[in-house]
């Protein structure tokens, strides 16, 4: 959890991923194919807001 101060107000950004086998850690997301997952095994959802994209995911 990371607190963000924007325009003089406070906000809180929370990111997470849930699979049938548990919560997917952010460092595992880049190696989805290595874990035998493909587009048929999970649904990736995001709203397109740039503040929800990590620097790691953009690489």
Protein backbone atom coordinates (compact mmCIF):
# COMPACT_ATOMS: atom_id res chain seq x y z
CA UNK A 1 0.00 0.00 0.00
CA UNK A 2 1.40 3.36 -1.02
CA UNK A 3 -0.01 6.68 0.13
CA UNK A 4 -0.14 9.41 -2.52
CA UNK A 5 -0.61 13.14 -1.95
CA UNK A 6 -2.14 14.80 -4.99
CA UNK A 7 -3.59 18.31 -5.28
CA UNK A 8 -3.35 18.84 -1.53
CA UNK A 9 -5.55 15.85 -0.72
CA UNK A 10 -4.50 12.40 0.38
CA UNK A 11 -5.34 9.23 -1.52
CA UNK A 12 -4.59 5.54 -1.24
CA UNK A 13 -3.79 3.24 -4.15
CA UNK A 14 -4.20 -0.53 -3.76
CA UNK A 15 -3.31 -3.07 -6.45
CA UNK A 16 -3.86 -6.79 -6.37
CA UNK A 17 -4.36 -9.91 -8.43
CA UNK A 18 -6.27 -13.01 -7.42
CA UNK A 19 -6.06 -16.43 -9.04
CA UNK A 20 -7.77 -19.71 -8.21
CA UNK A 21 -4.43 -20.80 -6.78
CA UNK A 22 -3.97 -17.67 -4.65
CA UNK A 23 -2.79 -14.08 -4.96
CA UNK A 24 -0.32 -13.44 -7.78
CA UNK A 25 2.72 -11.43 -6.68
CA UNK A 26 3.73 -8.53 -8.94
CA UNK A 27 7.12 -10.06 -9.79
CA UNK A 28 5.38 -13.22 -11.06
CA UNK A 29 3.17 -11.32 -13.48
CA UNK A 30 6.02 -10.96 -16.00
CA UNK A 31 6.58 -14.71 -15.99
CA UNK A 32 2.97 -15.78 -16.56
CA UNK A 33 3.89 -17.94 -19.55
CA UNK A 34 6.63 -19.69 -17.56
CA UNK A 35 3.98 -20.81 -15.06
CA UNK A 36 1.82 -22.44 -17.72
CA UNK A 37 -0.77 -19.68 -17.85
CA UNK A 38 -2.01 -18.21 -21.09
CA UNK A 39 -4.94 -16.03 -22.19
CA UNK A 40 -7.34 -18.95 -21.68
CA UNK A 41 -6.46 -19.41 -18.01
CA UNK A 42 -7.01 -15.92 -16.59
CA UNK A 43 -8.57 -12.53 -17.25
CA UNK A 44 -6.41 -9.41 -16.99
CA UNK A 45 -8.44 -6.31 -16.12
CA UNK A 46 -7.40 -2.69 -15.75
CA UNK A 47 -9.07 0.65 -16.21
CA UNK A 48 -6.27 2.26 -18.24
CA UNK A 49 -5.50 4.93 -15.64
CA UNK A 50 -1.72 5.56 -15.87
CA UNK A 51 -1.29 5.83 -12.11
CA UNK A 52 -2.31 2.16 -11.84
CA UNK A 53 0.57 0.98 -14.07
CA UNK A 54 3.78 0.07 -12.28
CA UNK A 55 7.20 0.94 -13.73
CA UNK A 56 8.00 -2.79 -13.71
CA UNK A 57 4.96 -3.63 -15.85
CA UNK A 58 5.80 -0.90 -18.36
CA UNK A 59 9.23 -2.44 -19.13
